[in-house]
Protein backbone atom coordinates (compact mmCIF):
# COMPACT_ATOMS: atom_id res chain seq x y z
CA MET A 1 0.00 0.00 0.00
CA GLY A 2 1.16 3.50 -0.81
CA ASP A 3 2.04 6.03 1.86
CA VAL A 4 -1.08 8.08 1.03
CA VAL A 5 -4.49 6.50 1.58
CA PHE A 6 -7.90 7.67 0.37
CA SER A 7 -10.49 6.89 3.05
CA GLU A 8 -14.22 6.90 2.41
CA THR A 9 -16.86 6.43 5.11
CA LEU A 10 -20.44 6.43 3.91
CA HIS A 11 -22.08 4.87 6.97
CA GLN A 12 -21.13 4.37 10.60
CA GLY A 13 -19.22 1.10 10.86
CA TYR A 14 -18.64 0.81 7.11
CA GLY A 15 -16.04 2.36 4.85
CA GLN A 16 -13.25 1.62 2.42
CA MET A 17 -9.65 2.66 1.88
CA LEU A 18 -7.70 2.86 -1.36
CA SER A 19 -4.01 3.53 -1.68
CA VAL A 20 -3.21 6.64 -3.67
CA ASP A 21 -0.34 5.26 -5.71
CA ARG A 22 -0.23 8.38 -7.89
CA LEU A 23 -2.19 11.61 -7.58
CA ILE A 24 -3.40 12.65 -11.04
CA TYR A 25 -5.46 15.74 -10.34
CA ARG A 26 -7.10 17.55 -7.44
CA ASP A 27 -8.98 20.81 -7.37
CA LYS A 28 -12.33 22.36 -6.55
CA THR A 29 -14.74 22.81 -9.43
CA ALA A 30 -17.52 25.36 -9.24
CA HIS A 31 -19.55 22.86 -7.22
CA GLN A 32 -17.43 20.24 -5.49
CA ASP A 33 -14.03 18.90 -4.51
CA LEU A 34 -12.73 16.63 -7.26
CA VAL A 35 -9.81 14.23 -7.07
CA ILE A 36 -8.51 11.73 -9.60
CA PHE A 37 -5.83 9.30 -8.49
CA GLU A 38 -4.29 6.04 -9.57
CA ASN A 39 -4.69 2.81 -7.61
CA ASN A 40 -2.72 -0.30 -8.52
CA LEU A 41 -5.82 -2.52 -8.32
CA PHE A 42 -8.64 -0.34 -9.74
CA GLY A 43 -6.67 1.93 -12.05
CA ARG A 44 -7.72 5.57 -12.10
CA VAL A 45 -10.33 6.56 -9.52
CA LEU A 46 -12.68 9.56 -9.55
CA ALA A 47 -13.95 10.90 -6.21
CA LEU A 48 -16.22 13.88 -5.55
CA ASP A 49 -16.44 15.44 -2.10
CA GLY A 50 -14.68 12.45 -0.58
CA VAL A 51 -16.91 9.80 -2.20
CA VAL A 52 -15.72 7.42 -4.94
CA GLN A 53 -17.82 7.88 -8.08
CA THR A 54 -16.18 5.47 -10.49
CA THR A 55 -12.98 3.55 -11.22
CA GLU A 56 -11.47 2.24 -14.42
CA GLY A 57 -11.39 -1.25 -12.94
CA ASP A 58 -15.05 -1.79 -12.12
CA GLU A 59 -17.09 0.92 -13.84
CA PHE A 60 -18.45 -1.53 -16.43
CA VAL A 61 -20.32 -3.42 -13.71
CA TYR A 62 -22.83 -0.66 -13.04
CA HIS A 63 -22.69 1.26 -16.33
CA GLU A 64 -23.67 -1.85 -18.29
CA MET A 65 -26.41 -2.86 -15.84
CA MET A 66 -27.90 0.65 -15.57
CA THR A 67 -27.99 0.95 -19.36
CA HIS A 68 -28.68 -2.33 -21.10
CA VAL A 69 -31.28 -3.74 -18.70
CA PRO A 70 -33.78 -0.85 -19.07
CA ILE A 71 -33.09 -0.38 -22.79
CA LEU A 72 -33.67 -4.05 -23.57
CA ALA A 73 -36.67 -4.19 -21.25
CA HIS A 74 -38.19 -1.20 -23.04
CA GLY A 75 -37.56 -2.75 -26.44
CA GLN A 76 -37.88 0.40 -28.56
CA ALA A 77 -35.90 3.11 -26.80
CA ARG A 78 -35.09 5.91 -29.24
CA GLN A 79 -34.49 8.93 -27.00
CA ILE A 80 -32.65 8.61 -23.67
CA LEU A 81 -32.15 11.08 -20.84
CA ILE A 82 -29.16 10.73 -18.49
CA ILE A 83 -29.18 12.82 -15.31
CA GLY A 84 -25.58 13.25 -14.22
CA GLY A 85 -23.13 10.77 -15.70
CA GLY A 86 -20.38 13.30 -16.38
CA ASP A 87 -17.74 10.58 -16.69
CA GLY A 88 -19.45 9.44 -19.91
CA GLY A 89 -19.63 5.73 -19.08
CA MET A 90 -23.40 5.44 -19.28
CA ALA A 91 -23.53 7.50 -22.47
CA ARG A 92 -20.96 5.14 -23.98
CA GLU A 93 -23.14 2.13 -23.28
CA CYS A 94 -26.34 3.82 -24.49
CA LEU A 95 -24.72 4.69 -27.80
CA ARG A 96 -23.80 1.06 -28.42
CA HIS A 97 -27.45 0.53 -29.35
CA THR A 98 -27.86 1.39 -33.02
CA GLY A 99 -31.57 2.04 -32.57
CA VAL A 100 -30.94 4.91 -30.15
CA GLU A 101 -31.39 8.19 -32.01
CA GLN A 102 -30.65 10.73 -29.30
CA VAL A 103 -29.04 10.75 -25.87
CA THR A 104 -29.44 13.89 -23.76
CA MET A 105 -27.14 14.22 -20.76
CA VAL A 106 -27.90 16.81 -18.07
CA GLU A 107 -24.72 17.19 -16.03
CA ILE A 108 -24.64 19.94 -13.44
CA ASP A 109 -20.84 20.27 -13.27
CA ALA A 110 -18.98 21.04 -16.49
CA GLY A 111 -15.70 20.51 -14.67
CA VAL A 112 -16.45 16.82 -14.18
CA VAL A 113 -17.02 16.34 -17.89
CA GLU A 114 -13.87 18.11 -19.00
CA LEU A 115 -11.61 16.48 -16.43
CA CYS A 116 -12.97 13.00 -17.16
CA ARG A 117 -12.42 13.55 -20.88
CA THR A 118 -8.84 14.53 -20.11
CA TYR A 119 -7.86 12.06 -17.36
CA LEU A 120 -10.39 9.21 -17.74
CA PRO A 121 -10.97 9.03 -21.51
CA SER A 122 -11.49 5.26 -21.48
CA LEU A 123 -14.79 5.70 -19.65
CA SER A 124 -16.50 7.76 -22.35
CA ALA A 125 -14.56 6.06 -25.19
CA GLY A 126 -15.53 8.77 -27.70
CA ALA A 127 -19.16 9.12 -26.57
CA PHE A 128 -18.87 12.90 -26.21
CA ASP A 129 -17.95 13.13 -29.90
CA ASP A 130 -20.96 11.09 -31.06
CA PRO A 131 -23.44 13.39 -32.87
CA ARG A 132 -26.34 11.59 -31.17
CA LEU A 133 -25.22 12.90 -27.77
CA SER A 134 -26.45 16.28 -26.55
CA LEU A 135 -24.72 17.54 -23.41
CA GLU A 136 -26.58 20.01 -21.23
CA ILE A 137 -24.77 21.76 -18.39
CA ALA A 138 -27.78 22.78 -16.37
CA ASP A 139 -26.83 24.52 -13.12
CA GLY A 140 -29.07 27.57 -13.02
CA ASP A 141 -30.82 26.74 -16.30
CA TRP A 142 -34.59 26.58 -16.57
CA ALA A 143 -36.11 23.28 -17.66
CA TRP A 144 -39.51 21.78 -18.40
CA VAL A 145 -40.57 18.68 -16.48
CA GLU A 146 -43.48 17.10 -18.35
CA SER A 147 -45.74 14.13 -17.71
CA TYR A 148 -48.95 12.90 -19.33
CA HIS A 149 -50.81 14.79 -16.58
CA GLY A 150 -49.16 18.22 -16.73
CA ARG A 151 -45.92 20.14 -16.79
CA ILE A 152 -43.89 22.56 -14.71
CA ARG A 153 -41.00 24.90 -15.49
CA VAL A 154 -38.28 24.77 -12.86
CA GLN A 155 -34.78 26.06 -12.28
CA VAL A 156 -32.12 23.39 -11.96
CA ALA A 157 -29.69 23.77 -9.06
CA LEU A 158 -27.30 21.68 -7.00
CA MET A 159 -28.29 21.20 -3.37
CA ASP A 160 -25.64 19.67 -1.10
CA GLY A 161 -27.84 19.73 2.00
CA VAL A 162 -29.38 22.12 4.47
CA GLU A 163 -28.02 24.30 7.26
CA GLY A 164 -27.05 22.31 10.33
CA SER A 165 -29.45 24.19 12.60
CA THR A 166 -32.47 23.57 10.34
CA VAL A 167 -35.35 22.27 12.46
CA TRP A 168 -37.58 21.05 9.67
CA THR A 169 -38.03 21.42 5.95
CA TRP A 170 -41.42 21.60 4.23
CA ASN A 171 -41.61 19.91 0.84
CA ALA A 172 -44.16 22.34 -0.61
CA ILE A 173 -41.73 25.01 -1.78
CA GLY A 174 -43.98 26.65 -4.36
CA LYS A 175 -46.35 29.45 -3.32
CA ARG A 176 -48.91 31.50 -5.19
CA SER A 177 -47.91 35.17 -5.52
CA GLY A 178 -48.93 37.01 -2.40
CA ALA A 179 -49.52 33.89 -0.29
CA TRP A 180 -48.23 33.92 3.30
CA ASN A 181 -48.15 37.71 2.98
CA LEU A 182 -45.03 37.42 0.87
CA ASP A 183 -44.16 39.97 -1.78
CA ALA A 184 -45.68 39.03 -5.14
CA ASN A 185 -42.18 38.63 -6.59
CA ALA A 186 -40.76 36.54 -3.73
CA GLY A 187 -38.70 33.50 -4.65
CA GLU A 188 -41.39 31.09 -3.45
CA ALA A 189 -43.68 32.43 -6.19
CA LYS A 190 -41.22 33.08 -9.01
CA LYS A 191 -38.76 30.21 -8.47
CA GLY A 192 -40.64 27.80 -6.23
CA PHE A 193 -42.70 24.98 -7.71
CA LEU A 194 -44.99 22.09 -6.79
CA LEU A 195 -44.56 18.64 -8.29
CA ASN A 196 -48.29 18.03 -7.87
CA HIS A 197 -48.86 19.57 -11.30
CA VAL A 198 -47.24 16.55 -12.98
CA ILE A 199 -48.80 13.93 -10.68
CA SER A 200 -52.23 12.47 -11.39
CA GLU A 201 -54.56 12.04 -8.43
CA LEU A 202 -55.52 8.56 -9.68
CA LEU A 203 -53.55 5.55 -10.88
CA PRO A 204 -54.35 4.04 -14.30
CA PRO A 205 -57.56 1.95 -14.26
CA ARG A 206 -57.51 -1.75 -13.46
CA ASP A 207 -59.11 -4.28 -15.82
CA ASP A 208 -62.47 -3.67 -14.13
CA GLY A 209 -62.09 0.10 -14.49
CA TYR A 210 -61.48 0.83 -10.81
CA ARG A 211 -58.78 3.43 -10.12
CA TYR A 212 -56.81 3.64 -6.89
CA ALA A 213 -55.72 6.97 -5.44
CA ASN A 214 -52.19 7.88 -6.47
CA ALA A 215 -51.20 8.62 -2.88
CA ASP A 216 -49.36 7.27 0.09
CA PRO A 217 -51.84 4.93 1.82
CA VAL A 218 -50.87 6.20 5.29
CA THR A 219 -50.40 9.95 4.90
CA GLY A 220 -52.53 10.53 1.80
CA GLN A 221 -49.80 12.67 0.24
CA ALA A 222 -49.39 12.63 -3.54
CA ALA A 223 -47.13 9.82 -4.69
CA TRP A 224 -44.94 9.04 -7.69
CA TYR A 225 -46.36 5.64 -8.61
CA ASP A 226 -46.39 4.95 -12.35
CA LEU A 227 -45.03 8.38 -13.25
CA ARG A 228 -42.73 9.05 -16.17
CA VAL A 229 -41.48 12.52 -16.93
CA ARG A 230 -39.63 14.15 -19.76
CA VAL A 231 -37.03 16.79 -18.90
CA ARG A 232 -35.99 19.32 -21.54
CA LYS A 233 -34.19 22.63 -21.40
CA ALA A 234 -36.43 25.67 -21.59
CA ASP A 235 -35.85 28.09 -24.44
CA PRO A 236 -33.69 31.07 -23.38
CA SER A 237 -36.42 33.43 -24.64
CA GLU A 238 -38.93 32.08 -22.10
CA ALA A 239 -39.63 33.84 -18.83
CA ALA A 240 -37.09 33.02 -16.11
CA GLU A 241 -39.74 31.99 -13.60
CA SER A 242 -41.52 28.85 -12.57
CA PHE A 243 -44.67 27.65 -14.31
CA PRO A 244 -47.60 27.61 -13.80
CA GLN A 245 -48.13 31.12 -12.44
CA PHE A 246 -51.42 32.44 -11.06
CA ASP A 247 -52.81 35.88 -10.29
CA PRO A 248 -51.63 37.19 -6.90
CA THR A 249 -53.88 36.59 -3.92
CA LYS A 250 -55.76 39.54 -2.50
CA LYS A 251 -54.34 40.79 0.78
CA PRO A 252 -56.82 40.78 3.69
CA ALA A 253 -57.44 44.07 5.45
CA GLY A 254 -55.15 44.90 8.33
CA ILE A 255 -52.19 42.83 7.15
CA GLY A 256 -48.80 44.54 7.33
CA PRO A 257 -46.32 45.12 4.50
CA ALA A 258 -45.39 42.06 2.45
CA PRO A 259 -41.71 41.14 2.86
CA VAL A 260 -39.67 39.50 0.12
CA LYS A 261 -38.27 37.10 2.72
CA LEU A 262 -39.86 35.81 5.91
CA ASN A 263 -37.71 34.89 8.90
CA TYR A 264 -39.93 32.58 10.92
CA GLY A 265 -37.79 30.50 13.24
CA ALA A 266 -34.92 32.97 13.34
CA GLY A 267 -35.38 33.16 17.11
CA PHE A 268 -34.41 29.48 17.41
CA ARG A 269 -30.81 30.47 16.80
CA LYS A 270 -30.62 33.09 19.53
CA GLY A 271 -28.11 32.10 22.12
CA GLN A 272 -26.45 29.52 19.90
CA SER A 273 -22.68 29.72 19.75
CA SER A 274 -21.26 30.58 16.37
């Protein structure tokens, strides 16, 4: 084993160590810490924020399974969307199928793509030069998410987590303009969205025509059962705001000025050490 060791711990009581036999590249991209090193057993290894993403030695195991199983099960896949996959391994396997007409890759970090093309070219094996591949670098871009039930326009962004002192997070991040006494142009209205617009309230009918509710049987919240969506980049000429939008709510009498940002819960942090 080399003198330098890469240690990864994903769960308490479980981790792995790899010897760094040669450091190839290390730097911070616009989004994350990226390191590429050489290991005598696995070849070149790509890690992001301390977590191994892929290695030359075993990448085929998951790239082949994630690609060929669904494509063959589908039987007539012509257009394929890859979310992430900046190393190019999954795109490589998709493009092996001659019936595939277009592969769209939405990768949030352009640095991953360029560095993998430079230092891990065997993974993509020319996939980025295939005219059937369209690469979308989408951090901050607006995109349409469409289902048979409806569609929403959303802004794509990388979220690493939440602040350590967060008490709770509500999943309904979209608000109608003026709701909660927020300013009509607050982020909740112009950038927030609700996935409910693409989710049907009922599942497809059974043979006898009966339709179950498309919801969690315990909580009753909308679920994702039997939902397929198409993701495509919004045209730059379109409004840079979420869709759908509705007329602002009317403010009740006696309500104070509408802030752009509410600070409920700010008092929880009083007295905390910095």
